[in-house]
Amino acid sequence: MKKILVPPFTLLLGAFLSCSTARKEQGTKTVTAVQPPIITYEAPIKFLIITKCGPCHLSTGEEVSYDNYTSAKENIDGIIRRIKLQPQQHGFMPQKAPRLSDSLIHVFEQWKVDGLREK
């Protein structure tokens, strides 16, 4: 009976060893982390303001205009504070529109972290 069990066991052991060897070889590969692009006003902040904050916060609107770099930069703390509010809270933005996704809010926060660059 031992003779019958030896070949399958040998095959199983060989498969196990080849898999563990492949894992070791794969583990030695150098992985280079990709740095996310630096967020600037020109890309994508201005586009987000135009599409998510317009028409109210554009030059043609009745509110403070954020479709220019200087105004958006000077008001970034207020912009972030208000877009992070929940719709039922006073000051929530964008008014009369759904709350921005967490990922879009993060883009504004990251712009600030990246140094509020224009281009």
PDB file of N, CA and C in Angstrom:
ATOM      1  N   MET A   1       0.812  -1.175   0.000  1.00  0.00           N
ATOM      2  CA  MET A   1       0.000   0.000   0.000  1.00  0.00           C
ATOM      3  C   MET A   1       0.870   1.259   0.000  1.00  0.00           C
ATOM      4  N   LYS A   2       2.021   1.217   0.601  1.00  0.00           N
ATOM      5  CA  LYS A   2       2.906   2.364   0.621  1.00  0.00           C
ATOM      6  C   LYS A   2       3.346   2.752  -0.779  1.00  0.00           C
ATOM      7  N   LYS A   3       3.522   1.780  -1.656  1.00  0.00           N
ATOM      8  CA  LYS A   3       3.935   2.068  -3.015  1.00  0.00           C
ATOM      9  C   LYS A   3       2.867   2.853  -3.762  1.00  0.00           C
ATOM     10  N   ILE A   4       1.640   2.636  -3.502  1.00  0.00           N
ATOM     11  CA  ILE A   4       0.547   3.348  -4.173  1.00  0.00           C
ATOM     12  C   ILE A   4       0.481   4.792  -3.677  1.00  0.00           C
ATOM     13  N   LEU A   5       0.718   5.034  -2.417  1.00  0.00           N
ATOM     14  CA  LEU A   5       0.613   6.377  -1.850  1.00  0.00           C
ATOM     15  C   LEU A   5       1.836   7.243  -2.136  1.00  0.00           C
ATOM     16  N   VAL A   6       2.961   6.653  -2.382  1.00  0.00           N
ATOM     17  CA  VAL A   6       4.181   7.417  -2.597  1.00  0.00           C
ATOM     18  C   VAL A   6       4.112   8.290  -3.850  1.00  0.00           C
ATOM     19  N   PRO A   7       3.741   7.775  -5.028  1.00  0.00           N
ATOM     20  CA  PRO A   7       3.715   8.646  -6.204  1.00  0.00           C
ATOM     21  C   PRO A   7       2.777   9.858  -6.066  1.00  0.00           C
ATOM     22  N   PRO A   8       1.515   9.711  -5.593  1.00  0.00           N
ATOM     23  CA  PRO A   8       0.689  10.921  -5.439  1.00  0.00           C
ATOM     24  C   PRO A   8       1.291  11.895  -4.424  1.00  0.00           C
ATOM     25  N   PHE A   9       1.831  11.373  -3.341  1.00  0.00           N
ATOM     26  CA  PHE A   9       2.457  12.235  -2.344  1.00  0.00           C
ATOM     27  C   PHE A   9       3.639  12.983  -2.953  1.00  0.00           C
ATOM     28  N   THR A  10       4.425  12.277  -3.753  1.00  0.00           N
ATOM     29  CA  THR A  10       5.579  12.879  -4.408  1.00  0.00           C
ATOM     30  C   THR A  10       5.139  13.986  -5.359  1.00  0.00           C
ATOM     31  N   LEU A  11       4.089  13.748  -6.117  1.00  0.00           N
ATOM     32  CA  LEU A  11       3.557  14.773  -7.022  1.00  0.00           C
ATOM     33  C   LEU A  11       3.046  15.990  -6.247  1.00  0.00           C
ATOM     34  N   LEU A  12       2.341  15.715  -5.169  1.00  0.00           N
ATOM     35  CA  LEU A  12       1.813  16.804  -4.351  1.00  0.00           C
ATOM     36  C   LEU A  12       2.940  17.630  -3.737  1.00  0.00           C
ATOM     37  N   LEU A  13       3.964  16.961  -3.239  1.00  0.00           N
ATOM     38  CA  LEU A  13       5.122  17.649  -2.667  1.00  0.00           C
ATOM     39  C   LEU A  13       5.828  18.482  -3.727  1.00  0.00           C
ATOM     40  N   GLY A  14       6.006  17.905  -4.928  1.00  0.00           N
ATOM     41  CA  GLY A  14       6.641  18.639  -6.030  1.00  0.00           C
ATOM     42  C   GLY A  14       5.845  19.880  -6.407  1.00  0.00           C
ATOM     43  N   ALA A  15       4.521  19.774  -6.457  1.00  0.00           N
ATOM     44  CA  ALA A  15       3.665  20.929  -6.788  1.00  0.00           C
ATOM     45  C   ALA A  15       3.794  21.998  -5.704  1.00  0.00           C
ATOM     46  N   PHE A  16       3.805  21.571  -4.457  1.00  0.00           N
ATOM     47  CA  PHE A  16       3.936  22.526  -3.358  1.00  0.00           C
ATOM     48  C   PHE A  16       5.258  23.273  -3.419  1.00  0.00           C
ATOM     49  N   LEU A  17       6.337  22.533  -3.669  1.00  0.00           N
ATOM     50  CA  LEU A  17       7.661  23.161  -3.717  1.00  0.00           C
ATOM     51  C   LEU A  17       7.781  24.117  -4.904  1.00  0.00           C
ATOM     52  N   SER A  18       7.221  23.762  -6.048  1.00  0.00           N
ATOM     53  CA  SER A  18       7.306  24.655  -7.195  1.00  0.00           C
ATOM     54  C   SER A  18       6.485  25.913  -6.966  1.00  0.00           C
ATOM     55  N   CYS A  19       5.345  25.805  -6.288  1.00  0.00           N
ATOM     56  CA  CYS A  19       4.541  26.998  -5.980  1.00  0.00           C
ATOM     57  C   CYS A  19       5.269  27.901  -5.006  1.00  0.00           C
ATOM     58  N   SER A  20       5.879  27.307  -3.983  1.00  0.00           N
ATOM     59  CA  SER A  20       6.577  28.147  -3.012  1.00  0.00           C
ATOM     60  C   SER A  20       7.802  28.790  -3.634  1.00  0.00           C
ATOM     61  N   THR A  21       8.442  28.116  -4.595  1.00  0.00           N
ATOM     62  CA  THR A  21       9.584  28.705  -5.290  1.00  0.00           C
ATOM     63  C   THR A  21       9.129  29.889  -6.135  1.00  0.00           C
ATOM     64  N   ALA A  22       7.997  29.738  -6.810  1.00  0.00           N
ATOM     65  CA  ALA A  22       7.472  30.832  -7.625  1.00  0.00           C
ATOM     66  C   ALA A  22       7.148  32.040  -6.748  1.00  0.00           C
ATOM     67  N   ARG A  23       6.625  31.788  -5.584  1.00  0.00           N
ATOM     68  CA  ARG A  23       6.311  32.899  -4.685  1.00  0.00           C
ATOM     69  C   ARG A  23       7.582  33.617  -4.237  1.00  0.00           C
ATOM     70  N   LYS A  24       8.614  32.835  -3.960  1.00  0.00           N
ATOM     71  CA  LYS A  24       9.871  33.455  -3.537  1.00  0.00           C
ATOM     72  C   LYS A  24      10.456  34.302  -4.654  1.00  0.00           C
ATOM     73  N   GLU A  25      10.426  33.778  -5.870  1.00  0.00           N
ATOM     74  CA  GLU A  25      10.957  34.537  -7.002  1.00  0.00           C
ATOM     75  C   GLU A  25      10.139  35.799  -7.221  1.00  0.00           C
ATOM     76  N   GLN A  26       8.843  35.679  -7.082  1.00  0.00           N
ATOM     77  CA  GLN A  26       7.973  36.843  -7.275  1.00  0.00           C
ATOM     78  C   GLN A  26       8.225  37.871  -6.173  1.00  0.00           C
ATOM     79  N   GLY A  27       8.512  37.385  -4.973  1.00  0.00           N
ATOM     80  CA  GLY A  27       8.743  38.290  -3.860  1.00  0.00           C
ATOM     81  C   GLY A  27      10.022  39.089  -3.987  1.00  0.00           C
ATOM     82  N   THR A  28      10.957  38.663  -4.833  1.00  0.00           N
ATOM     83  CA  THR A  28      12.213  39.385  -4.973  1.00  0.00           C
ATOM     84  C   THR A  28      12.152  40.467  -6.043  1.00  0.00           C
ATOM     85  N   LYS A  29      11.061  40.528  -6.801  1.00  0.00           N
ATOM     86  CA  LYS A  29      10.944  41.557  -7.833  1.00  0.00           C
ATOM     87  C   LYS A  29      10.820  42.927  -7.173  1.00  0.00           C
ATOM     88  N   THR A  30      11.430  43.913  -7.786  1.00  0.00           N
ATOM     89  CA  THR A  30      11.349  45.266  -7.272  1.00  0.00           C
ATOM     90  C   THR A  30      10.065  45.912  -7.770  1.00  0.00           C
ATOM     91  N   VAL A  31       9.290  46.405  -6.842  1.00  0.00           N
ATOM     92  CA  VAL A  31       8.042  47.072  -7.185  1.00  0.00           C
ATOM     93  C   VAL A  31       8.245  48.566  -6.990  1.00  0.00           C
ATOM     94  N   THR A  32       7.984  49.326  -8.027  1.00  0.00           N
ATOM     95  CA  THR A  32       8.133  50.770  -7.955  1.00  0.00           C
ATOM     96  C   THR A  32       6.763  51.392  -7.713  1.00  0.00           C
ATOM     97  N   ALA A  33       6.649  52.139  -6.649  1.00  0.00           N
ATOM     98  CA  ALA A  33       5.379  52.807  -6.347  1.00  0.00           C
ATOM     99  C   ALA A  33       5.175  53.967  -7.308  1.00  0.00           C
ATOM    100  N   VAL A  34       3.967  54.079  -7.779  1.00  0.00           N
ATOM    101  CA  VAL A  34       3.624  55.170  -8.689  1.00  0.00           C
ATOM    102  C   VAL A  34       3.115  56.332  -7.865  1.00  0.00           C
ATOM    103  N   GLN A  35       3.732  57.483  -8.034  1.00  0.00           N
ATOM    104  CA  GLN A  35       3.305  58.676  -7.318  1.00  0.00           C
ATOM    105  C   GLN A  35       2.091  59.280  -8.025  1.00  0.00           C
ATOM    106  N   PRO A  36       1.043  59.616  -7.284  1.00  0.00           N
ATOM    107  CA  PRO A  36      -0.096  60.257  -7.923  1.00  0.00           C
ATOM    108  C   PRO A  36       0.309  61.641  -8.422  1.00  0.00           C
ATOM    109  N   PRO A  37      -0.338  62.109  -9.465  1.00  0.00           N
ATOM    110  CA  PRO A  37       0.018  63.429  -9.979  1.00  0.00           C
ATOM    111  C   PRO A  37      -0.305  64.518  -8.960  1.00  0.00           C
ATOM    112  N   ILE A  38       0.450  65.583  -8.997  1.00  0.00           N
ATOM    113  CA  ILE A  38       0.183  66.721  -8.113  1.00  0.00           C
ATOM    114  C   ILE A  38      -1.046  67.445  -8.640  1.00  0.00           C
ATOM    115  N   ILE A  39      -1.937  67.735  -7.741  1.00  0.00           N
ATOM    116  CA  ILE A  39      -3.178  68.404  -8.121  1.00  0.00           C
ATOM    117  C   ILE A  39      -2.923  69.899  -8.205  1.00  0.00           C
ATOM    118  N   THR A  40      -3.406  70.500  -9.264  1.00  0.00           N
ATOM    119  CA  THR A  40      -3.264  71.941  -9.464  1.00  0.00           C
ATOM    120  C   THR A  40      -4.631  72.557  -9.718  1.00  0.00           C
ATOM    121  N   TYR A  41      -4.670  73.877  -9.676  1.00  0.00           N
ATOM    122  CA  TYR A  41      -5.929  74.563  -9.963  1.00  0.00           C
ATOM    123  C   TYR A  41      -6.374  74.274 -11.391  1.00  0.00           C
ATOM    124  N   GLU A  42      -5.433  74.322 -12.327  1.00  0.00           N
ATOM    125  CA  GLU A  42      -5.782  74.111 -13.738  1.00  0.00           C
ATOM    126  C   GLU A  42      -6.277  72.696 -14.004  1.00  0.00           C
ATOM    127  N   ALA A  43      -5.800  71.726 -13.259  1.00  0.00           N
ATOM    128  CA  ALA A  43      -6.243  70.348 -13.457  1.00  0.00           C
ATOM    129  C   ALA A  43      -6.155  69.601 -12.135  1.00  0.00           C
ATOM    130  N   PRO A  44      -7.253  69.300 -11.556  1.00  0.00           N
ATOM    131  CA  PRO A  44      -8.640  69.302 -11.996  1.00  0.00           C
ATOM    132  C   PRO A  44      -9.549  70.279 -11.257  1.00  0.00           C
ATOM    133  N   ILE A  45      -8.981  71.103 -10.366  1.00  0.00           N
ATOM    134  CA  ILE A  45      -9.822  71.946  -9.495  1.00  0.00           C
ATOM    135  C   ILE A  45     -10.750  72.866 -10.291  1.00  0.00           C
ATOM    136  N   LYS A  46     -10.228  73.571 -11.265  1.00  0.00           N
ATOM    137  CA  LYS A  46     -11.059  74.501 -12.030  1.00  0.00           C
ATOM    138  C   LYS A  46     -12.226  73.766 -12.692  1.00  0.00           C
ATOM    139  N   PHE A  47     -11.952  72.604 -13.271  1.00  0.00           N
ATOM    140  CA  PHE A  47     -13.012  71.819 -13.905  1.00  0.00           C
ATOM    141  C   PHE A  47     -14.073  71.412 -12.883  1.00  0.00           C
ATOM    142  N   LEU A  48     -13.643  70.983 -11.690  1.00  0.00           N
ATOM    143  CA  LEU A  48     -14.601  70.602 -10.653  1.00  0.00           C
ATOM    144  C   LEU A  48     -15.444  71.785 -10.213  1.00  0.00           C
ATOM    145  N   ILE A  49     -14.830  72.939 -10.078  1.00  0.00           N
ATOM    146  CA  ILE A  49     -15.585  74.138  -9.692  1.00  0.00           C
ATOM    147  C   ILE A  49     -16.613  74.476 -10.764  1.00  0.00           C
ATOM    148  N   ILE A  50     -16.206  74.428 -12.015  1.00  0.00           N
ATOM    149  CA  ILE A  50     -17.137  74.750 -13.106  1.00  0.00           C
ATOM    150  C   ILE A  50     -18.297  73.757 -13.142  1.00  0.00           C
ATOM    151  N   THR A  51     -17.999  72.472 -12.996  1.00  0.00           N
ATOM    152  CA  THR A  51     -19.049  71.466 -13.123  1.00  0.00           C
ATOM    153  C   THR A  51     -19.855  71.241 -11.857  1.00  0.00           C
ATOM    154  N   LYS A  52     -19.257  71.426 -10.704  1.00  0.00           N
ATOM    155  CA  LYS A  52     -19.957  71.119  -9.450  1.00  0.00           C
ATOM    156  C   LYS A  52     -20.420  72.350  -8.677  1.00  0.00           C
ATOM    157  N   CYS A  53     -19.797  73.501  -8.937  1.00  0.00           N
ATOM    158  CA  CYS A  53     -20.124  74.709  -8.175  1.00  0.00           C
ATOM    159  C   CYS A  53     -20.811  75.760  -9.037  1.00  0.00           C
ATOM    160  N   GLY A  54     -20.859  75.526 -10.327  1.00  0.00           N
ATOM    161  CA  GLY A  54     -21.512  76.455 -11.236  1.00  0.00           C
ATOM    162  C   GLY A  54     -23.003  76.195 -11.268  1.00  0.00           C
ATOM    163  N   PRO A  55     -23.776  77.142 -11.631  1.00  0.00           N
ATOM    164  CA  PRO A  55     -23.379  78.465 -12.103  1.00  0.00           C
ATOM    165  C   PRO A  55     -23.159  79.483 -10.982  1.00  0.00           C
ATOM    166  N   CYS A  56     -23.451  79.095  -9.752  1.00  0.00           N
ATOM    167  CA  CYS A  56     -23.391  80.067  -8.647  1.00  0.00           C
ATOM    168  C   CYS A  56     -21.999  80.661  -8.417  1.00  0.00           C
ATOM    169  N   HIS A  57     -20.967  79.847  -8.468  1.00  0.00           N
ATOM    170  CA  HIS A  57     -19.620  80.322  -8.126  1.00  0.00           C
ATOM    171  C   HIS A  57     -18.735  80.542  -9.346  1.00  0.00           C
ATOM    172  N   LEU A  58     -19.342  80.950 -10.427  1.00  0.00           N
ATOM    173  CA  LEU A  58     -18.600  81.328 -11.626  1.00  0.00           C
ATOM    174  C   LEU A  58     -18.688  82.843 -11.778  1.00  0.00           C
ATOM    175  N   SER A  59     -17.879  83.413 -12.622  1.00  0.00           N
ATOM    176  CA  SER A  59     -17.845  84.870 -12.804  1.00  0.00           C
ATOM    177  C   SER A  59     -19.214  85.448 -13.121  1.00  0.00           C
ATOM    178  N   THR A  60     -20.053  84.658 -13.746  1.00  0.00           N
ATOM    179  CA  THR A  60     -21.380  85.139 -14.137  1.00  0.00           C
ATOM    180  C   THR A  60     -22.424  84.939 -13.054  1.00  0.00           C
ATOM    181  N   GLY A  61     -22.076  84.267 -11.959  1.00  0.00           N
ATOM    182  CA  GLY A  61     -23.029  83.989 -10.894  1.00  0.00           C
ATOM    183  C   GLY A  61     -23.171  85.134  -9.914  1.00  0.00           C
ATOM    184  N   GLU A  62     -24.057  84.919  -8.955  1.00  0.00           N
ATOM    185  CA  GLU A  62     -24.328  85.951  -7.949  1.00  0.00           C
ATOM    186  C   GLU A  62     -23.434  85.803  -6.711  1.00  0.00           C
ATOM    187  N   GLU A  63     -22.811  84.673  -6.554  1.00  0.00           N
ATOM    188  CA  GLU A  63     -21.988  84.382  -5.377  1.00  0.00           C
ATOM    189  C   GLU A  63     -20.523  84.699  -5.658  1.00  0.00           C
ATOM    190  N   VAL A  64     -19.667  84.424  -4.660  1.00  0.00           N
ATOM    191  CA  VAL A  64     -18.225  84.581  -4.822  1.00  0.00           C
ATOM    192  C   VAL A  64     -17.764  83.667  -5.961  1.00  0.00           C
ATOM    193  N   SER A  65     -16.947  84.199  -6.838  1.00  0.00           N
ATOM    194  CA  SER A  65     -16.471  83.448  -7.993  1.00  0.00           C
ATOM    195  C   SER A  65     -15.219  82.662  -7.644  1.00  0.00           C
ATOM    196  N   TYR A  66     -15.251  81.355  -7.939  1.00  0.00           N
ATOM    197  CA  TYR A  66     -14.085  80.504  -7.716  1.00  0.00           C
ATOM    198  C   TYR A  66     -13.498  80.013  -9.028  1.00  0.00           C
ATOM    199  N   ASP A  67     -13.946  80.554 -10.140  1.00  0.00           N
ATOM    200  CA  ASP A  67     -13.386  80.117 -11.417  1.00  0.00           C
ATOM    201  C   ASP A  67     -12.147  80.919 -11.793  1.00  0.00           C
ATOM    202  N   ASN A  68     -11.516  81.499 -10.778  1.00  0.00           N
ATOM    203  CA  ASN A  68     -10.194  82.094 -10.966  1.00  0.00           C
ATOM    204  C   ASN A  68      -9.309  81.604  -9.820  1.00  0.00           C
ATOM    205  N   TYR A  69      -8.066  81.394 -10.129  1.00  0.00           N
ATOM    206  CA  TYR A  69      -7.127  80.779  -9.209  1.00  0.00           C
ATOM    207  C   TYR A  69      -7.033  81.510  -7.873  1.00  0.00           C
ATOM    208  N   THR A  70      -6.864  82.820  -7.917  1.00  0.00           N
ATOM    209  CA  THR A  70      -6.645  83.591  -6.687  1.00  0.00           C
ATOM    210  C   THR A  70      -7.806  83.432  -5.719  1.00  0.00           C
ATOM    211  N   SER A  71      -9.018  83.550  -6.202  1.00  0.00           N
ATOM    212  CA  SER A  71     -10.186  83.441  -5.342  1.00  0.00           C
ATOM    213  C   SER A  71     -10.326  82.042  -4.747  1.00  0.00           C
ATOM    214  N   ALA A  72     -10.119  81.025  -5.576  1.00  0.00           N
ATOM    215  CA  ALA A  72     -10.214  79.649  -5.076  1.00  0.00           C
ATOM    216  C   ALA A  72      -9.139  79.384  -4.022  1.00  0.00           C
ATOM    217  N   LYS A  73      -7.928  79.845  -4.278  1.00  0.00           N
ATOM    218  CA  LYS A  73      -6.820  79.643  -3.348  1.00  0.00           C
ATOM    219  C   LYS A  73      -7.093  80.347  -2.015  1.00  0.00           C
ATOM    220  N   GLU A  74      -7.547  81.589  -2.073  1.00  0.00           N
ATOM    221  CA  GLU A  74      -7.792  82.365  -0.851  1.00  0.00           C
ATOM    222  C   GLU A  74      -8.948  81.803  -0.024  1.00  0.00           C
ATOM    223  N   ASN A  75      -9.852  81.079  -0.662  1.00  0.00           N
ATOM    224  CA  ASN A  75     -11.040  80.576   0.030  1.00  0.00           C
ATOM    225  C   ASN A  75     -11.051  79.060   0.212  1.00  0.00           C
ATOM    226  N   ILE A  76      -9.913  78.395   0.018  1.00  0.00           N
ATOM    227  CA  ILE A  76      -9.899  76.935   0.048  1.00  0.00           C
ATOM    228  C   ILE A  76     -10.372  76.359   1.374  1.00  0.00           C
ATOM    229  N   ASP A  77     -10.021  76.966   2.489  1.00  0.00           N
ATOM    230  CA  ASP A  77     -10.467  76.427   3.777  1.00  0.00           C
ATOM    231  C   ASP A  77     -11.988  76.449   3.890  1.00  0.00           C
ATOM    232  N   GLY A  78     -12.593  77.545   3.469  1.00  0.00           N
ATOM    233  CA  GLY A  78     -14.052  77.647   3.493  1.00  0.00           C
ATOM    234  C   GLY A  78     -14.702  76.684   2.512  1.00  0.00           C
ATOM    235  N   ILE A  79     -14.112  76.536   1.348  1.00  0.00           N
ATOM    236  CA  ILE A  79     -14.647  75.605   0.347  1.00  0.00           C
ATOM    237  C   ILE A  79     -14.638  74.192   0.921  1.00  0.00           C
ATOM    238  N   ILE A  80     -13.511  73.771   1.456  1.00  0.00           N
ATOM    239  CA  ILE A  80     -13.402  72.419   2.011  1.00  0.00           C
ATOM    240  C   ILE A  80     -14.375  72.234   3.171  1.00  0.00           C
ATOM    241  N   ARG A  81     -14.433  73.204   4.051  1.00  0.00           N
ATOM    242  CA  ARG A  81     -15.332  73.102   5.208  1.00  0.00           C
ATOM    243  C   ARG A  81     -16.772  72.911   4.748  1.00  0.00           C
ATOM    244  N   ARG A  82     -17.201  73.680   3.763  1.00  0.00           N
ATOM    245  CA  ARG A  82     -18.605  73.645   3.339  1.00  0.00           C
ATOM    246  C   ARG A  82     -18.949  72.408   2.511  1.00  0.00           C
ATOM    247  N   ILE A  83     -18.025  71.910   1.693  1.00  0.00           N
ATOM    248  CA  ILE A  83     -18.343  70.718   0.908  1.00  0.00           C
ATOM    249  C   ILE A  83     -18.290  69.451   1.768  1.00  0.00           C
ATOM    250  N   LYS A  84     -17.677  69.545   2.944  1.00  0.00           N
ATOM    251  CA  LYS A  84     -17.644  68.405   3.852  1.00  0.00           C
ATOM    252  C   LYS A  84     -18.889  68.315   4.732  1.00  0.00           C
ATOM    253  N   LEU A  85     -19.684  69.385   4.765  1.00  0.00           N
ATOM    254  CA  LEU A  85     -20.911  69.364   5.551  1.00  0.00           C
ATOM    255  C   LEU A  85     -21.910  68.382   4.961  1.00  0.00           C
ATOM    256  N   GLN A  86     -22.864  67.981   5.779  1.00  0.00           N
ATOM    257  CA  GLN A  86     -23.965  67.139   5.310  1.00  0.00           C
ATOM    258  C   GLN A  86     -25.087  68.043   4.789  1.00  0.00           C
ATOM    259  N   PRO A  87     -25.904  67.552   3.855  1.00  0.00           N
ATOM    260  CA  PRO A  87     -26.935  68.392   3.238  1.00  0.00           C
ATOM    261  C   PRO A  87     -27.866  69.098   4.219  1.00  0.00           C
ATOM    262  N   GLN A  88     -28.138  68.523   5.371  1.00  0.00           N
ATOM    263  CA  GLN A  88     -29.042  69.154   6.331  1.00  0.00           C
ATOM    264  C   GLN A  88     -28.363  70.237   7.172  1.00  0.00           C
ATOM    265  N   GLN A  89     -27.043  70.375   7.066  1.00  0.00           N
ATOM    266  CA  GLN A  89     -26.318  71.355   7.871  1.00  0.00           C
ATOM    267  C   GLN A  89     -26.277  72.722   7.178  1.00  0.00           C
ATOM    268  N   HIS A  90     -26.327  73.745   8.011  1.00  0.00           N
ATOM    269  CA  HIS A  90     -26.287  75.124   7.510  1.00  0.00           C
ATOM    270  C   HIS A  90     -24.941  75.386   6.828  1.00  0.00           C
ATOM    271  N   GLY A  91     -24.987  75.939   5.622  1.00  0.00           N
ATOM    272  CA  GLY A  91     -23.772  76.264   4.884  1.00  0.00           C
ATOM    273  C   GLY A  91     -23.335  75.173   3.919  1.00  0.00           C
ATOM    274  N   PHE A  92     -24.085  74.074   3.869  1.00  0.00           N
ATOM    275  CA  PHE A  92     -23.741  72.960   2.979  1.00  0.00           C
ATOM    276  C   PHE A  92     -23.619  73.423   1.536  1.00  0.00           C
ATOM    277  N   MET A  93     -22.576  72.920   0.873  1.00  0.00           N
ATOM    278  CA  MET A  93     -22.382  73.175  -0.555  1.00  0.00           C
ATOM    279  C   MET A  93     -22.043  71.866  -1.237  1.00  0.00           C
ATOM    280  N   PRO A  94     -22.445  71.682  -2.453  1.00  0.00           N
ATOM    281  CA  PRO A  94     -23.133  72.628  -3.329  1.00  0.00           C
ATOM    282  C   PRO A  94     -24.627  72.685  -3.006  1.00  0.00           C
ATOM    283  N   GLN A  95     -25.089  73.879  -2.823  1.00  0.00           N
ATOM    284  CA  GLN A  95     -26.485  74.121  -2.477  1.00  0.00           C
ATOM    285  C   GLN A  95     -27.375  73.640  -3.619  1.00  0.00           C
ATOM    286  N   LYS A  96     -28.478  73.024  -3.290  1.00  0.00           N
ATOM    287  CA  LYS A  96     -29.456  72.518  -4.263  1.00  0.00           C
ATOM    288  C   LYS A  96     -28.874  71.424  -5.163  1.00  0.00           C
ATOM    289  N   ALA A  97     -27.884  70.719  -4.685  1.00  0.00           N
ATOM    290  CA  ALA A  97     -27.270  69.624  -5.445  1.00  0.00           C
ATOM    291  C   ALA A  97     -26.836  68.541  -4.459  1.00  0.00           C
ATOM    292  N   PRO A  98     -26.632  67.329  -4.952  1.00  0.00           N
ATOM    293  CA  PRO A  98     -26.159  66.262  -4.055  1.00  0.00           C
ATOM    294  C   PRO A  98     -24.770  66.563  -3.504  1.00  0.00           C
ATOM    295  N   ARG A  99     -24.494  65.995  -2.350  1.00  0.00           N
ATOM    296  CA  ARG A  99     -23.180  66.142  -1.729  1.00  0.00           C
ATOM    297  C   ARG A  99     -22.121  65.547  -2.643  1.00  0.00           C
ATOM    298  N   LEU A 100     -20.959  66.186  -2.704  1.00  0.00           N
ATOM    299  CA  LEU A 100     -19.843  65.655  -3.482  1.00  0.00           C
ATOM    300  C   LEU A 100     -19.375  64.343  -2.858  1.00  0.00           C
ATOM    301  N   SER A 101     -18.881  63.462  -3.677  1.00  0.00           N
ATOM    302  CA  SER A 101     -18.361  62.193  -3.168  1.00  0.00           C
ATOM    303  C   SER A 101     -17.125  62.464  -2.312  1.00  0.00           C
ATOM    304  N   ASP A 102     -16.822  61.531  -1.436  1.00  0.00           N
ATOM    305  CA  ASP A 102     -15.625  61.663  -0.599  1.00  0.00           C
ATOM    306  C   ASP A 102     -14.369  61.771  -1.460  1.00  0.00           C
ATOM    307  N   SER A 103     -14.358  61.074  -2.591  1.00  0.00           N
ATOM    308  CA  SER A 103     -13.170  61.137  -3.452  1.00  0.00           C
ATOM    309  C   SER A 103     -13.008  62.517  -4.078  1.00  0.00           C
ATOM    310  N   LEU A 104     -14.111  63.183  -4.432  1.00  0.00           N
ATOM    311  CA  LEU A 104     -14.003  64.547  -4.971  1.00  0.00           C
ATOM    312  C   LEU A 104     -13.607  65.538  -3.881  1.00  0.00           C
ATOM    313  N   ILE A 105     -14.144  65.358  -2.693  1.00  0.00           N
ATOM    314  CA  ILE A 105     -13.755  66.215  -1.567  1.00  0.00           C
ATOM    315  C   ILE A 105     -12.257  66.048  -1.305  1.00  0.00           C
ATOM    316  N   HIS A 106     -11.782  64.815  -1.403  1.00  0.00           N
ATOM    317  CA  HIS A 106     -10.355  64.543  -1.200  1.00  0.00           C
ATOM    318  C   HIS A 106      -9.492  65.281  -2.227  1.00  0.00           C
ATOM    319  N   VAL A 107      -9.985  65.460  -3.439  1.00  0.00           N
ATOM    320  CA  VAL A 107      -9.219  66.180  -4.464  1.00  0.00           C
ATOM    321  C   VAL A 107      -8.957  67.611  -3.995  1.00  0.00           C
ATOM    322  N   PHE A 108      -9.969  68.273  -3.443  1.00  0.00           N
ATOM    323  CA  PHE A 108      -9.784  69.638  -2.922  1.00  0.00           C
ATOM    324  C   PHE A 108      -8.806  69.632  -1.748  1.00  0.00           C
ATOM    325  N   GLU A 109      -8.948  68.661  -0.846  1.00  0.00           N
ATOM    326  CA  GLU A 109      -8.033  68.567   0.292  1.00  0.00           C
ATOM    327  C   GLU A 109      -6.605  68.312  -0.179  1.00  0.00           C
ATOM    328  N   GLN A 110      -6.451  67.457  -1.165  1.00  0.00           N
ATOM    329  CA  GLN A 110      -5.128  67.137  -1.679  1.00  0.00           C
ATOM    330  C   GLN A 110      -4.499  68.334  -2.375  1.00  0.00           C
ATOM    331  N   TRP A 111      -5.306  69.131  -3.040  1.00  0.00           N
ATOM    332  CA  TRP A 111      -4.802  70.349  -3.673  1.00  0.00           C
ATOM    333  C   TRP A 111      -4.150  71.236  -2.615  1.00  0.00           C
ATOM    334  N   LYS A 112      -4.808  71.362  -1.475  1.00  0.00           N
ATOM    335  CA  LYS A 112      -4.251  72.171  -0.397  1.00  0.00           C
ATOM    336  C   LYS A 112      -2.941  71.543   0.115  1.00  0.00           C
ATOM    337  N   VAL A 113      -2.938  70.235   0.334  1.00  0.00           N
ATOM    338  CA  VAL A 113      -1.745  69.535   0.797  1.00  0.00           C
ATOM    339  C   VAL A 113      -0.591  69.710  -0.209  1.00  0.00           C
ATOM    340  N   ASP A 114      -0.917  69.660  -1.490  1.00  0.00           N
ATOM    341  CA  ASP A 114       0.103  69.779  -2.537  1.00  0.00           C
ATOM    342  C   ASP A 114       0.628  71.206  -2.707  1.00  0.00           C
ATOM    343  N   GLY A 115       0.092  72.152  -1.949  1.00  0.00           N
ATOM    344  CA  GLY A 115       0.644  73.507  -1.980  1.00  0.00           C
ATOM    345  C   GLY A 115      -0.156  74.509  -2.780  1.00  0.00           C
ATOM    346  N   LEU A 116      -1.412  74.173  -3.113  1.00  0.00           N
ATOM    347  CA  LEU A 116      -2.308  75.094  -3.835  1.00  0.00           C
ATOM    348  C   LEU A 116      -1.660  75.641  -5.099  1.00  0.00           C
ATOM    349  N   ARG A 117      -1.081  74.754  -5.868  1.00  0.00           N
ATOM    350  CA  ARG A 117      -0.397  75.170  -7.105  1.00  0.00           C
ATOM    351  C   ARG A 117      -1.418  75.577  -8.170  1.00  0.00           C
ATOM    352  N   GLU A 118      -1.006  76.532  -8.996  1.00  0.00           N
ATOM    353  CA  GLU A 118      -1.886  76.982 -10.068  1.00  0.00           C
ATOM    354  C   GLU A 118      -1.770  76.051 -11.274  1.00  0.00           C
ATOM    355  N   LYS A 119      -0.523  75.768 -11.689  1.00  0.00           N
ATOM    356  CA  LYS A 119      -0.297  74.929 -12.877  1.00  0.00           C
ATOM    357  C   LYS A 119       0.676  73.833 -12.580  1.00  0.00           C
TER     358      LYS A 119
END
